[in-house]
Amino acid sequence: YEGWYCVSCEAFKQDADLKGGYCLIHPTLKAQWLKEENYFFKLSSYQDRLQQHIDKHPEFIQPETRRNEVLGWLRAGLQDFSISRSTIKWGIPFPGDDKHVVYVWGDALVNYVTGVGYGTDEAMFKRWWPADLHVIGKDITRFHCLYWPAMLISAGVAVPKRVYAHGFLTVRGEKMSKSLGNYIDPLEAADRFGAEAVRYLLLRELPFDRDGEISWETMTDRFNADLANDLGNFIYRTLSMLQRYFDGKLPAPDGDATALDKQLQTAFEKAVRGQDKHMKALDFTGALDLIWEAVNRGNKYIEESAPWVLAKQSDQRKRLQTVMYNLVEAIRLTTYLISPFLPETAAKVALQIKADLKAPWATAREWGRLAPRTQTALGGVLFPRIEKPEPVA
């Protein structure tokens, strides 16, 4: 076999996959022309079966852009691929021919099933396979959506139920690269913002289904706006007022719900419904958008209800009780909603208001579950503001 080979992709490339002799995915690496004797996997024999499976299961490859990409490769016709290497010695020995080793994608993909008992523990394998979801990078869809399903079909093993290919993080419009110097050091980011916040910033700022631009400046802006201002202030202001007006003990709501009360409840119920929908679709940005709409509705509720004014009016005591109950109940739901993204923060806040994050979601998601007379505690500032770095010339 001979052809252009990208050592970083560990794959042979067609002319369409190269630009000026360089890999499209690794534009600083010039493809090498390799010629060697290989064993082949007869991928072309599985073209019809792969096409039928993708047509029958439209959810198999997501998002739609990646599904269309794979369908394009099928329309162009699948070619057999080499499953062994004879010019290198390091690797898994090829069965029946010790002059060859197994192609790296051959043995790497198989780990998905051997890791859950294939060939060694049938009970474990039945429990965990087929996988409900493979999450991969968009540059390896060919291996996971064509090579791997064909290999499984050839062995009579079920294919994964869903494969989701996410985009790249880009800096200044290009895929991050140490050689180009356009990268965000994850350890430095964790030191600067905290690992908890970095997780949130990436999922909030970047849609999971496509490439997304990231920079120190945008991360700092998002940290200060979302975490320090919106979320941090909402929780701290509410619990501070509860300490001031009720010694931290949650009052019972008293009186009919007003339009403001209903707007607050509706915002959180919308976020709860959206959580289920968006998380199943791996639309993390969509889920967080709704959560932050609810949090911001909470901040507006504070301003519009003005508990500090109500506290000065003896005839508004019942209204003050209702407002403070609603705010703390909104915080309770916030802890559940943010827990997949900010688990440590959610745990801290849940401890302050005595919410049980392990409670069944089916009931915990309902508005009004927090018991009156619950004794709360005021914690410290969750996310202190961070100074914005000087712009890079």
Protein backbone atom coordinates (compact mmCIF):
# COMPACT_ATOMS: atom_id res chain seq x y z
CA TYR A 1 0.00 0.00 0.00
CA GLU A 2 1.19 3.52 -0.67
CA GLY A 3 -0.22 6.95 -0.07
CA TRP A 4 0.01 10.21 1.84
CA TYR A 5 0.16 9.70 5.60
CA CYS A 6 -0.36 12.15 8.48
CA VAL A 7 1.64 10.97 11.47
CA SER A 8 -0.48 13.01 13.89
CA CYS A 9 -3.81 11.66 12.59
CA GLU A 10 -2.27 8.19 12.27
CA ALA A 11 -4.12 7.89 8.98
CA PHE A 12 -3.60 7.77 5.23
CA LYS A 13 -5.01 10.81 3.45
CA GLN A 14 -6.74 11.35 0.12
CA ASP A 15 -5.79 14.35 -2.00
CA ALA A 16 -8.97 16.12 -0.86
CA ASP A 17 -7.75 15.83 2.74
CA LEU A 18 -4.57 17.82 1.99
CA LYS A 19 -3.82 21.42 1.13
CA GLY A 20 -0.45 22.05 -0.47
CA GLY A 21 0.70 18.71 0.88
CA TYR A 22 -0.31 19.57 4.45
CA CYS A 23 -3.01 17.87 6.52
CA LEU A 24 -6.17 19.99 6.85
CA ILE A 25 -6.48 19.05 10.53
CA HIS A 26 -2.77 19.56 11.31
CA PRO A 27 -1.83 22.38 8.92
CA THR A 28 1.76 22.60 10.21
CA LEU A 29 2.47 18.93 9.43
CA LYS A 30 3.43 17.94 5.91
CA ALA A 31 2.04 14.56 4.90
CA GLN A 32 4.55 11.81 4.24
CA TRP A 33 4.43 9.43 1.27
CA LEU A 34 4.51 5.92 2.69
CA LYS A 35 4.80 2.63 0.87
CA GLU A 36 4.54 -0.64 2.73
CA GLU A 37 2.91 -4.05 2.73
CA ASN A 38 -0.28 -4.10 4.81
CA TYR A 39 -3.23 -6.28 5.61
CA PHE A 40 -6.53 -4.63 4.79
CA PHE A 41 -9.98 -4.42 6.33
CA LYS A 42 -12.56 -4.77 3.56
CA LEU A 43 -14.55 -1.64 4.44
CA SER A 44 -16.11 -1.49 0.97
CA SER A 45 -18.11 -4.64 1.76
CA TYR A 46 -19.96 -2.81 4.51
CA GLN A 47 -21.03 0.24 2.51
CA ASP A 48 -24.66 -0.81 2.09
CA ARG A 49 -25.06 -1.97 5.67
CA LEU A 50 -23.59 1.24 7.05
CA GLN A 51 -25.83 3.31 4.79
CA GLN A 52 -28.90 1.34 5.89
CA HIS A 53 -28.03 1.74 9.58
CA ILE A 54 -27.53 5.51 9.30
CA ASP A 55 -30.77 5.90 7.31
CA LYS A 56 -32.72 3.81 9.83
CA HIS A 57 -31.20 5.54 12.86
CA PRO A 58 -30.93 9.28 12.10
CA GLU A 59 -29.83 9.90 15.70
CA PHE A 60 -26.77 7.63 15.28
CA ILE A 61 -24.42 10.44 14.19
CA GLN A 62 -24.77 13.90 15.72
CA PRO A 63 -24.76 16.82 15.16
CA GLU A 64 -26.31 16.99 11.70
CA THR A 65 -23.21 18.59 10.17
CA ARG A 66 -21.14 15.55 11.08
CA ARG A 67 -23.87 13.18 9.89
CA ASN A 68 -23.87 14.92 6.52
CA GLU A 69 -20.08 14.64 6.39
CA VAL A 70 -20.22 10.88 6.89
CA LEU A 71 -23.02 10.52 4.35
CA GLY A 72 -20.80 12.38 1.88
CA TRP A 73 -18.03 9.83 2.37
CA LEU A 74 -20.53 7.05 1.78
CA ARG A 75 -21.76 8.65 -1.45
CA ALA A 76 -18.16 8.91 -2.65
CA GLY A 77 -17.70 5.17 -2.04
CA LEU A 78 -15.81 3.53 0.80
CA GLN A 79 -12.30 2.22 0.26
CA ASP A 80 -10.68 -0.65 2.11
CA PHE A 81 -8.21 0.53 4.75
CA SER A 82 -4.96 -1.00 5.92
CA ILE A 83 -5.33 -2.65 9.31
CA SER A 84 -1.65 -3.42 9.91
CA ARG A 85 1.77 -1.75 9.78
CA SER A 86 5.01 -3.45 8.77
CA THR A 87 7.47 -0.54 9.00
CA ILE A 88 7.19 -0.09 12.77
CA LYS A 89 7.79 -2.64 15.53
CA TRP A 90 6.04 -1.02 18.46
CA GLY A 91 2.41 -2.10 18.69
CA ILE A 92 0.06 -5.03 19.18
CA PRO A 93 1.38 -8.04 17.21
CA PHE A 94 -0.85 -8.80 14.24
CA PRO A 95 -2.53 -12.22 14.68
CA GLY A 96 -0.86 -14.80 12.45
CA ASP A 97 1.95 -12.57 11.17
CA ASP A 98 4.59 -11.33 13.60
CA LYS A 99 6.14 -9.12 10.92
CA HIS A 100 3.17 -6.77 11.31
CA VAL A 101 1.58 -4.84 14.16
CA VAL A 102 -2.07 -3.83 14.37
CA TYR A 103 -2.87 -0.37 12.99
CA VAL A 104 -3.27 1.95 15.96
CA TRP A 105 -6.93 2.71 15.21
CA GLY A 106 -7.56 -1.02 14.94
CA ASP A 107 -6.50 -1.78 18.49
CA ALA A 108 -7.63 1.56 19.97
CA LEU A 109 -11.24 1.18 18.88
CA VAL A 110 -11.45 -2.38 20.16
CA ASN A 111 -10.70 -1.08 23.67
CA TYR A 112 -14.23 0.27 23.83
CA VAL A 113 -15.62 -3.26 24.02
CA THR A 114 -12.78 -5.14 25.70
CA GLY A 115 -12.82 -2.53 28.47
CA VAL A 116 -16.38 -3.57 29.38
CA GLY A 117 -15.87 -7.30 29.25
CA TYR A 118 -15.98 -8.38 25.60
CA GLY A 119 -14.34 -11.79 25.40
CA THR A 120 -13.73 -12.00 29.16
CA ASP A 121 -16.89 -11.15 31.11
CA GLU A 122 -20.14 -11.74 29.26
CA ALA A 123 -22.36 -10.46 32.07
CA MET A 124 -20.48 -7.18 32.28
CA PHE A 125 -20.52 -6.82 28.52
CA LYS A 126 -24.30 -7.32 28.34
CA ARG A 127 -24.74 -4.69 31.04
CA TRP A 128 -22.63 -1.97 29.42
CA TRP A 129 -22.83 -2.58 25.69
CA PRO A 130 -23.94 -1.18 23.32
CA ALA A 131 -22.80 2.23 24.48
CA ASP A 132 -25.57 4.81 24.75
CA LEU A 133 -23.22 7.55 23.64
CA HIS A 134 -19.72 8.00 22.23
CA VAL A 135 -18.40 11.56 22.59
CA ILE A 136 -15.54 12.28 20.19
CA GLY A 137 -13.75 15.13 18.43
CA LYS A 138 -14.92 16.11 14.97
CA ASP A 139 -11.58 15.07 13.41
CA ILE A 140 -12.10 11.37 14.17
CA THR A 141 -15.61 10.83 12.83
CA ARG A 142 -14.36 8.64 9.97
CA PHE A 143 -12.92 6.15 12.47
CA HIS A 144 -15.90 6.14 14.85
CA CYS A 145 -18.75 6.41 12.36
CA LEU A 146 -17.47 4.16 9.55
CA TYR A 147 -14.44 2.06 10.53
CA TRP A 148 -15.66 1.15 14.02
CA PRO A 149 -19.28 0.27 13.14
CA ALA A 150 -18.03 -1.87 10.24
CA MET A 151 -15.62 -3.68 12.55
CA LEU A 152 -18.43 -4.34 15.04
CA ILE A 153 -20.81 -5.54 12.33
CA SER A 154 -18.12 -7.88 11.05
CA ALA A 155 -17.84 -9.39 14.56
CA GLY A 156 -21.61 -9.62 15.03
CA VAL A 157 -21.54 -7.02 17.83
CA ALA A 158 -24.05 -4.19 18.25
CA VAL A 159 -22.89 -0.69 17.28
CA PRO A 160 -23.12 2.28 19.69
CA LYS A 161 -26.53 3.92 19.88
CA ARG A 162 -25.23 7.43 19.31
CA VAL A 163 -21.95 9.11 18.34
CA TYR A 164 -21.59 12.83 19.01
CA ALA A 165 -18.68 14.77 17.52
CA HIS A 166 -17.86 18.09 19.17
CA GLY A 167 -15.93 20.98 17.63
CA PHE A 168 -12.50 22.46 18.33
CA LEU A 169 -11.44 25.22 20.66
CA THR A 170 -9.89 27.93 18.55
CA VAL A 171 -7.65 30.86 19.43
CA ARG A 172 -7.46 33.77 17.00
CA GLY A 173 -9.46 31.73 14.53
CA GLU A 174 -7.16 28.70 14.48
CA LYS A 175 -7.14 25.34 16.21
CA MET A 176 -4.99 25.52 19.32
CA SER A 177 -1.38 24.51 18.68
CA LYS A 178 1.67 24.62 20.91
CA SER A 179 3.91 24.99 17.86
CA LEU A 180 1.97 28.09 16.77
CA GLY A 181 1.83 29.42 20.31
CA ASN A 182 -1.93 30.08 20.11
CA TYR A 183 -3.17 28.05 23.04
CA ILE A 184 -4.73 28.47 26.46
CA ASP A 185 -2.75 26.53 29.07
CA PRO A 186 -5.41 24.56 31.00
CA LEU A 187 -3.34 24.53 34.20
CA GLU A 188 -2.86 28.29 34.05
CA ALA A 189 -6.59 28.69 33.40
CA ALA A 190 -7.37 26.54 36.45
CA ASP A 191 -4.99 28.64 38.57
CA ARG A 192 -6.55 31.86 37.32
CA PHE A 193 -10.26 30.96 37.47
CA GLY A 194 -10.44 27.62 39.31
CA ALA A 195 -11.14 24.31 37.58
CA GLU A 196 -14.82 24.60 38.50
CA ALA A 197 -15.16 27.93 36.71
CA VAL A 198 -13.12 26.81 33.68
CA ARG A 199 -15.58 23.97 33.09
CA TYR A 200 -18.46 26.42 33.23
CA LEU A 201 -16.78 29.03 31.04
CA LEU A 202 -16.05 26.56 28.25
CA LEU A 203 -19.52 25.03 28.25
CA ARG A 204 -21.25 28.42 28.49
CA GLU A 205 -19.15 30.25 25.94
CA LEU A 206 -18.75 27.54 23.28
CA PRO A 207 -21.56 25.62 21.55
CA PHE A 208 -20.67 21.93 21.78
CA ASP A 209 -21.58 21.13 18.17
CA ARG A 210 -19.10 23.44 16.43
CA ASP A 211 -15.77 25.22 16.74
CA GLY A 212 -15.64 28.01 19.30
CA GLU A 213 -13.29 30.92 19.89
CA ILE A 214 -11.74 31.28 23.34
CA SER A 215 -9.41 33.86 24.88
CA TRP A 216 -8.26 35.07 28.28
CA GLU A 217 -10.32 38.24 27.74
CA THR A 218 -13.60 36.49 26.94
CA MET A 219 -13.12 34.05 29.82
CA THR A 220 -12.52 36.90 32.27
CA ASP A 221 -15.53 38.84 31.00
CA ARG A 222 -17.77 35.80 31.29
CA PHE A 223 -16.43 34.94 34.76
CA ASN A 224 -17.13 38.41 36.11
CA ALA A 225 -20.51 38.81 34.43
CA ASP A 226 -22.01 35.35 35.00
CA LEU A 227 -20.34 33.96 38.09
CA ALA A 228 -19.29 36.97 40.16
CA ASN A 229 -22.18 39.29 39.27
CA ASP A 230 -25.21 37.20 38.29
CA LEU A 231 -24.91 33.99 40.29
CA GLY A 232 -22.69 35.13 43.15
CA ASN A 233 -24.65 38.30 43.88
CA PHE A 234 -28.00 36.55 43.62
CA ILE A 235 -27.08 33.99 46.27
CA TYR A 236 -25.13 36.28 48.59
CA ARG A 237 -27.66 39.15 48.55
CA THR A 238 -30.57 36.82 49.18
CA LEU A 239 -29.02 34.94 52.09
CA SER A 240 -27.67 38.19 53.56
CA MET A 241 -31.19 39.66 53.62
CA LEU A 242 -32.57 36.45 55.09
CA GLN A 243 -30.07 36.75 57.94
CA ARG A 244 -30.90 40.42 58.42
CA TYR A 245 -34.70 40.14 58.38
CA PHE A 246 -35.37 36.62 59.71
CA ASP A 247 -32.12 35.58 61.44
CA GLY A 248 -31.50 33.13 58.59
CA LYS A 249 -34.68 31.13 59.23
CA LEU A 250 -36.81 30.63 56.11
CA PRO A 251 -40.28 32.16 56.54
CA ALA A 252 -43.44 30.61 55.14
CA PRO A 253 -44.96 32.40 52.15
CA ASP A 254 -48.09 34.28 53.19
CA GLY A 255 -50.63 35.69 50.76
CA ASP A 256 -51.63 35.27 47.15
CA ALA A 257 -48.93 35.08 44.50
CA THR A 258 -48.42 38.29 42.56
CA ALA A 259 -47.49 38.66 38.91
CA LEU A 260 -43.83 39.10 39.97
CA ASP A 261 -43.96 35.88 41.98
CA LYS A 262 -45.41 33.99 39.03
CA GLN A 263 -42.76 35.37 36.67
CA LEU A 264 -40.01 34.10 38.96
CA GLN A 265 -41.58 30.66 39.32
CA THR A 266 -42.20 30.42 35.57
CA ALA A 267 -38.57 31.27 34.75
CA PHE A 268 -37.29 28.46 36.96
CA GLU A 269 -39.87 25.95 35.75
CA LYS A 270 -38.81 26.77 32.18
CA ALA A 271 -35.15 26.20 33.10
CA VAL A 272 -36.04 22.86 34.72
CA ARG A 273 -37.90 21.66 31.62
CA GLY A 274 -35.08 22.87 29.40
CA GLN A 275 -32.49 21.07 31.52
CA ASP A 276 -33.93 17.69 30.60
CA LYS A 277 -34.30 18.54 26.91
CA HIS A 278 -30.96 20.26 26.35
CA MET A 279 -28.82 17.84 28.38
CA LYS A 280 -30.14 14.86 26.43
CA ALA A 281 -29.21 16.69 23.23
CA LEU A 282 -25.75 17.63 24.64
CA ASP A 283 -26.75 21.25 24.16
CA PHE A 284 -24.98 22.51 27.25
CA THR A 285 -25.02 26.11 26.09
CA GLY A 286 -28.79 25.94 25.63
CA ALA A 287 -29.28 24.53 29.14
CA LEU A 288 -27.07 27.21 30.68
CA ASP A 289 -28.82 29.99 28.74
CA LEU A 290 -32.11 29.02 30.40
CA ILE A 291 -30.53 28.69 33.84
CA TRP A 292 -29.04 32.15 33.58
CA GLU A 293 -32.33 33.58 32.36
CA ALA A 294 -33.84 32.27 35.59
CA VAL A 295 -30.97 33.55 37.74
CA ASN A 296 -31.27 36.98 36.15
CA ARG A 297 -35.02 36.88 36.70
CA GLY A 298 -34.15 36.28 40.37
CA ASN A 299 -31.90 39.34 40.45
CA LYS A 300 -34.66 41.44 38.84
CA TYR A 301 -37.16 40.04 41.35
CA ILE A 302 -34.96 41.38 44.15
CA GLU A 303 -34.88 44.84 42.60
CA GLU A 304 -38.58 44.89 41.75
CA SER A 305 -39.73 43.47 45.11
CA ALA A 306 -37.27 45.58 47.15
CA PRO A 307 -37.18 43.56 50.40
CA TRP A 308 -35.27 46.39 52.11
CA VAL A 309 -38.28 48.62 51.60
CA LEU A 310 -40.76 45.99 52.73
CA ALA A 311 -38.72 45.40 55.90
CA LYS A 312 -39.29 49.01 56.97
CA GLN A 313 -43.07 48.75 56.65
CA SER A 314 -44.81 46.86 59.44
CA ASP A 315 -47.88 46.20 57.29
CA GLN A 316 -45.73 44.48 54.62
CA ARG A 317 -44.35 41.73 56.86
CA LYS A 318 -46.37 39.01 55.13
CA ARG A 319 -45.24 40.21 51.73
CA LEU A 320 -41.64 40.21 52.91
CA GLN A 321 -42.05 36.59 54.04
CA THR A 322 -43.33 35.59 50.61
CA VAL A 323 -40.57 37.41 48.75
CA MET A 324 -37.80 35.91 50.87
CA TYR A 325 -39.28 32.42 50.62
CA ASN A 326 -39.47 32.70 46.83
CA LEU A 327 -35.86 33.89 46.57
CA VAL A 328 -34.46 31.06 48.67
CA GLU A 329 -36.61 28.54 46.81
CA ALA A 330 -35.17 29.93 43.57
CA ILE A 331 -31.68 29.39 45.00
CA ARG A 332 -32.60 25.80 45.89
CA LEU A 333 -33.58 25.08 42.30
CA THR A 334 -30.48 26.87 41.08
CA THR A 335 -28.27 24.45 43.04
CA TYR A 336 -29.84 21.50 41.22
CA LEU A 337 -29.67 23.17 37.83
CA ILE A 338 -26.00 24.16 38.09
CA SER A 339 -24.80 20.94 39.71
CA PRO A 340 -23.77 19.23 36.41
CA PHE A 341 -21.66 22.28 35.51
CA LEU A 342 -20.58 23.68 38.88
CA PRO A 343 -20.81 20.69 41.25
CA GLU A 344 -18.59 22.11 44.01
CA THR A 345 -20.43 25.43 43.99
CA ALA A 346 -23.79 23.65 44.02
CA ALA A 347 -22.68 21.58 47.03
CA LYS A 348 -21.55 24.69 48.95
CA VAL A 349 -24.83 26.51 48.34
CA ALA A 350 -26.93 23.42 49.08
CA LEU A 351 -25.20 23.15 52.45
CA GLN A 352 -26.06 26.79 53.23
CA ILE A 353 -29.78 26.28 52.58
CA LYS A 354 -29.95 22.61 53.64
CA ALA A 355 -30.99 21.34 50.20
CA ASP A 356 -30.43 17.66 49.43
CA LEU A 357 -28.71 17.37 46.05
CA LYS A 358 -29.22 13.60 46.15
CA ALA A 359 -33.00 13.93 46.34
CA PRO A 360 -34.89 12.38 43.40
CA TRP A 361 -35.01 14.88 40.55
CA ALA A 362 -38.65 13.99 39.82
CA THR A 363 -39.73 15.68 43.06
CA ALA A 364 -36.81 18.05 43.73
CA ARG A 365 -37.55 19.87 40.47
CA GLU A 366 -40.96 21.03 41.72
CA TRP A 367 -41.35 24.62 42.89
CA GLY A 368 -42.08 24.99 46.61
CA ARG A 369 -40.24 21.96 48.01
CA LEU A 370 -38.07 23.89 50.49
CA ALA A 371 -39.56 23.61 53.97
CA PRO A 372 -40.38 26.83 55.86
CA ARG A 373 -38.43 27.34 59.12
CA THR A 374 -35.30 25.84 57.51
CA GLN A 375 -32.29 27.44 59.18
CA THR A 376 -29.86 28.74 56.57
CA ALA A 377 -26.28 29.95 56.82
CA LEU A 378 -24.49 32.78 55.05
CA GLY A 379 -21.29 31.75 53.30
CA GLY A 380 -18.52 33.78 51.78
CA VAL A 381 -18.29 35.30 48.32
CA LEU A 382 -18.45 32.44 45.82
CA PHE A 383 -16.64 34.08 42.91
CA PRO A 384 -14.53 37.17 43.64
CA ARG A 385 -14.12 39.39 40.59
CA ILE A 386 -10.97 38.98 38.53
CA GLU A 387 -9.05 41.82 36.95
CA LYS A 388 -9.03 41.70 33.17
CA PRO A 389 -5.57 41.01 31.71
CA GLU A 390 -3.87 43.64 29.61
CA PRO A 391 -4.59 43.12 25.88
CA VAL A 392 -1.85 41.36 23.93
CA ALA A 393 -0.32 43.56 21.21
